[in-house]
C-alpha atoms as a PDB file:
ATOM      1  CA  MET A   1     -46.535   5.173  66.037  1.00  0.00           C
ATOM      2  CA  PHE A   2     -47.376   2.009  66.110  1.00  0.00           C
ATOM      3  CA  ASP A   3     -50.367   0.884  63.219  1.00  0.00           C
ATOM      4  CA  ILE A   4     -52.893  -0.129  65.529  1.00  0.00           C
ATOM      5  CA  GLY A   5     -56.400  -0.190  64.248  1.00  0.00           C
ATOM      6  CA  PHE A   6     -60.153  -0.478  66.798  1.00  0.00           C
ATOM      7  CA  ALA A   7     -60.281  -4.111  66.454  1.00  0.00           C
ATOM      8  CA  GLU A   8     -56.810  -4.614  67.770  1.00  0.00           C
ATOM      9  CA  LEU A   9     -58.099  -2.115  70.767  1.00  0.00           C
ATOM     10  CA  VAL A  10     -61.103  -4.449  71.707  1.00  0.00           C
ATOM     11  CA  LEU A  11     -59.035  -8.108  71.565  1.00  0.00           C
ATOM     12  CA  ILE A  12     -55.908  -6.314  73.931  1.00  0.00           C
ATOM     13  CA  GLY A  13     -58.972  -5.156  76.074  1.00  0.00           C
ATOM     14  CA  VAL A  14     -60.987  -8.282  75.485  1.00  0.00           C
ATOM     15  CA  VAL A  15     -57.438 -11.214  76.402  1.00  0.00           C
ATOM     16  CA  ALA A  16     -56.330  -8.191  79.446  1.00  0.00           C
ATOM     17  CA  LEU A  17     -59.979  -9.310  80.757  1.00  0.00           C
ATOM     18  CA  LEU A  18     -59.519 -12.704  80.731  1.00  0.00           C
ATOM     19  CA  VAL A  19     -56.533 -12.774  81.408  1.00  0.00           C
ATOM     20  CA  ILE A  20     -56.542 -10.027  84.859  1.00  0.00           C
ATOM     21  CA  GLY A  21     -59.761 -10.659  85.982  1.00  0.00           C
ATOM     22  CA  PRO A  22     -62.681  -8.012  86.600  1.00  0.00           C
ATOM     23  CA  GLU A  23     -61.247  -6.693  89.759  1.00  0.00           C
ATOM     24  CA  ARG A  24     -57.606  -6.083  89.030  1.00  0.00           C
ATOM     25  CA  LEU A  25     -58.438  -4.615  85.614  1.00  0.00           C
ATOM     26  CA  PRO A  26     -58.600  -1.133  86.704  1.00  0.00           C
ATOM     27  CA  GLU A  27     -55.097  -1.517  88.544  1.00  0.00           C
ATOM     28  CA  ALA A  28     -53.605  -2.591  85.581  1.00  0.00           C
ATOM     29  CA  VAL A  29     -55.052   0.343  83.432  1.00  0.00           C
ATOM     30  CA  ARG A  30     -54.030   2.592  84.952  1.00  0.00           C
ATOM     31  CA  THR A  31     -50.795   1.210  85.528  1.00  0.00           C
ATOM     32  CA  ALA A  32     -49.888   1.132  82.118  1.00  0.00           C
ATOM     33  CA  SER A  33     -50.694   3.929  81.470  1.00  0.00           C
ATOM     34  CA  ALA A  34     -48.532   5.620  84.046  1.00  0.00           C
ATOM     35  CA  TRP A  35     -45.738   3.780  82.980  1.00  0.00           C
ATOM     36  CA  LEU A  36     -46.670   4.853  79.054  1.00  0.00           C
ATOM     37  CA  ASN A  37     -47.056   8.702  80.452  1.00  0.00           C
ATOM     38  CA  ARG A  38     -43.632   8.512  81.770  1.00  0.00           C
ATOM     39  CA  ILE A  39     -42.097   6.669  77.964  1.00  0.00           C
ATOM     40  CA  ARG A  40     -43.660   9.409  75.952  1.00  0.00           C
ATOM     41  CA  ARG A  41     -42.646  12.135  79.145  1.00  0.00           C
ATOM     42  CA  SER A  42     -39.108  10.979  79.095  1.00  0.00           C
ATOM     43  CA  PHE A  43     -39.269  10.763  74.704  1.00  0.00           C
ATOM     44  CA  ASN A  44     -40.219  14.706  74.744  1.00  0.00           C
ATOM     45  CA  GLU A  45     -37.076  15.505  77.211  1.00  0.00           C
ATOM     46  CA  ILE A  46     -34.827  13.514  74.815  1.00  0.00           C
ATOM     47  CA  LYS A  47     -36.462  14.500  72.077  1.00  0.00           C
ATOM     48  CA  GLN A  48     -36.317  18.630  73.034  1.00  0.00           C
ATOM     49  CA  GLU A  49     -32.863  17.862  74.718  1.00  0.00           C
ATOM     50  CA  VAL A  50     -31.184  16.698  70.858  1.00  0.00           C
ATOM     51  CA  GLN A  51     -33.369  19.606  69.327  1.00  0.00           C
ATOM     52  CA  GLN A  52     -31.909  21.899  71.924  1.00  0.00           C
ATOM     53  CA  GLU A  53     -28.160  20.716  71.182  1.00  0.00           C
ATOM     54  CA  LEU A  54     -28.865  20.560  67.253  1.00  0.00           C
ATOM     55  CA  HIS A  55     -29.742  24.469  67.272  1.00  0.00           C
ATOM     56  CA  ASN A  56     -26.340  24.679  69.748  1.00  0.00           C
ATOM     57  CA  ASP A  57     -24.403  23.543  67.208  1.00  0.00           C
ATOM     58  CA  ALA A  58     -25.507  25.365  64.100  1.00  0.00           C
ATOM     59  CA  VAL A  59     -25.376  28.206  66.922  1.00  0.00           C
ATOM     60  CA  MET A  60     -21.553  27.599  67.002  1.00  0.00           C
ATOM     61  CA  ARG A  61     -20.956  26.461  63.754  1.00  0.00           C
ATOM     62  CA  ASP A  62     -22.198  30.408  62.278  1.00  0.00           C
ATOM     63  CA  LEU A  63     -20.901  31.862  65.465  1.00  0.00           C
ATOM     64  CA  ARG A  64     -17.128  29.500  63.645  1.00  0.00           C
ATOM     65  CA  GLN A  65     -18.149  31.024  60.110  1.00  0.00           C
ATOM     66  CA  THR A  66     -18.460  35.025  61.508  1.00  0.00           C
ATOM     67  CA  GLY A  67     -16.076  35.259  63.544  1.00  0.00           C
ATOM     68  CA  GLU A  68     -13.342  33.128  60.185  1.00  0.00           C
ATOM     69  CA  GLN A  69     -14.850  36.221  58.859  1.00  0.00           C
ATOM     70  CA  LEU A  70     -13.992  37.634  61.264  1.00  0.00           C
ATOM     71  CA  LYS A  71     -10.260  37.291  60.942  1.00  0.00           C
ATOM     72  CA  ASN A  72      -9.651  37.123  57.309  1.00  0.00           C
ATOM     73  CA  GLN A  73     -11.322  40.976  57.547  1.00  0.00           C
ATOM     74  CA  ALA A  74      -8.651  41.896  59.597  1.00  0.00           C
ATOM     75  CA  ASN A  75      -5.756  40.480  57.692  1.00  0.00           C
ATOM     76  CA  SER A  76      -6.502  41.763  54.333  1.00  0.00           C
ATOM     77  CA  ILE A  77      -6.971  44.888  56.272  1.00  0.00           C
ATOM     78  CA  GLY A  78      -3.457  44.598  58.535  1.00  0.00           C
ATOM     79  CA  HIS A  79      -2.529  43.388  54.635  1.00  0.00           C
ATOM     80  CA  GLU A  80      -3.250  46.833  53.293  1.00  0.00           C
ATOM     81  CA  LEU A  81      -2.192  48.687  55.467  1.00  0.00           C
ATOM     82  CA  ARG A  82       1.418  47.260  55.958  1.00  0.00           C
ATOM     83  CA  GLU A  83       1.624  47.484  52.181  1.00  0.00           C
ATOM     84  CA  SER A  84      -0.123  50.760  52.115  1.00  0.00           C
ATOM     85  CA  THR A  85       3.112  52.025  55.030  1.00  0.00           C
ATOM     86  CA  THR A  86       6.228  50.508  53.480  1.00  0.00           C
ATOM     87  CA  ALA A  87       4.739  51.295  49.362  1.00  0.00           C
ATOM     88  CA  PRO A  88       7.320  53.970  47.997  1.00  0.00           C
ATOM     89  CA  LYS A  89       6.059  57.283  48.639  1.00  0.00           C
ATOM     90  CA  GLU A  90       6.420  59.427  45.792  1.00  0.00           C
ATOM     91  CA  GLN A  91       8.958  62.073  45.934  1.00  0.00           C
ATOM     92  CA  ALA A  92       8.529  65.469  44.231  1.00  0.00           C
ATOM     93  CA  PRO A  93      11.548  65.482  42.019  1.00  0.00           C
ATOM     94  CA  ASP A  94      14.708  67.558  43.511  1.00  0.00           C
ATOM     95  CA  ASN A  95      15.187  70.314  40.406  1.00  0.00           C
ATOM     96  CA  ALA A  96      16.730  73.588  42.938  1.00  0.00           C
ATOM     97  CA  GLY A  97      20.295  72.411  40.567  1.00  0.00           C
ATOM     98  CA  ALA A  98      18.619  72.200  37.898  1.00  0.00           C
ATOM     99  CA  PRO A  99      19.307  75.101  35.575  1.00  0.00           C
ATOM    100  CA  GLY A 100      16.517  77.477  34.419  1.00  0.00           C
ATOM    101  CA  ALA A 101      14.326  75.349  37.521  1.00  0.00           C
ATOM    102  CA  PRO A 102      11.383  77.471  39.541  1.00  0.00           C
ATOM    103  CA  GLN A 103      12.723  78.079  42.276  1.00  0.00           C
ATOM    104  CA  ALA A 104      10.977  78.594  45.992  1.00  0.00           C
ATOM    105  CA  PRO A 105      10.621  81.480  46.947  1.00  0.00           C
ATOM    106  CA  ALA A 106      12.803  81.573  49.806  1.00  0.00           C
ATOM    107  CA  GLU A 107      12.018  82.101  53.306  1.00  0.00           C
ATOM    108  CA  LYS A 108      11.641  85.358  55.014  1.00  0.00           C
ATOM    109  CA  THR A 109      14.230  86.024  58.762  1.00  0.00           C
ATOM    110  CA  ALA A 110      13.447  88.744  60.592  1.00  0.00           C
ATOM    111  CA  GLU A 111      16.369  90.425  61.008  1.00  0.00           C
END
């Protein structure tokens, strides 16, 4: 995080010992470490929330894309169905009255 080496830490410790004094230094270190832990914990919580939101955004984006694909497929299927039902069906030629055309057998009625 910060580029602090061992020499810098020793210098900070010596200055803290001279400024705060040996009696209050342990309490000051405990207080500083508690604040540092709170800051770290808060940072990690914020980081997890951001990651969760990014994950949720990605999932929602995938769901929207899938929904659009399904909608497009449904529209194309509906369009194909409309075309197939409205397209004129091929009708058999009506040759019943034409000379030389084969006659369909007449249905027998029970008398």
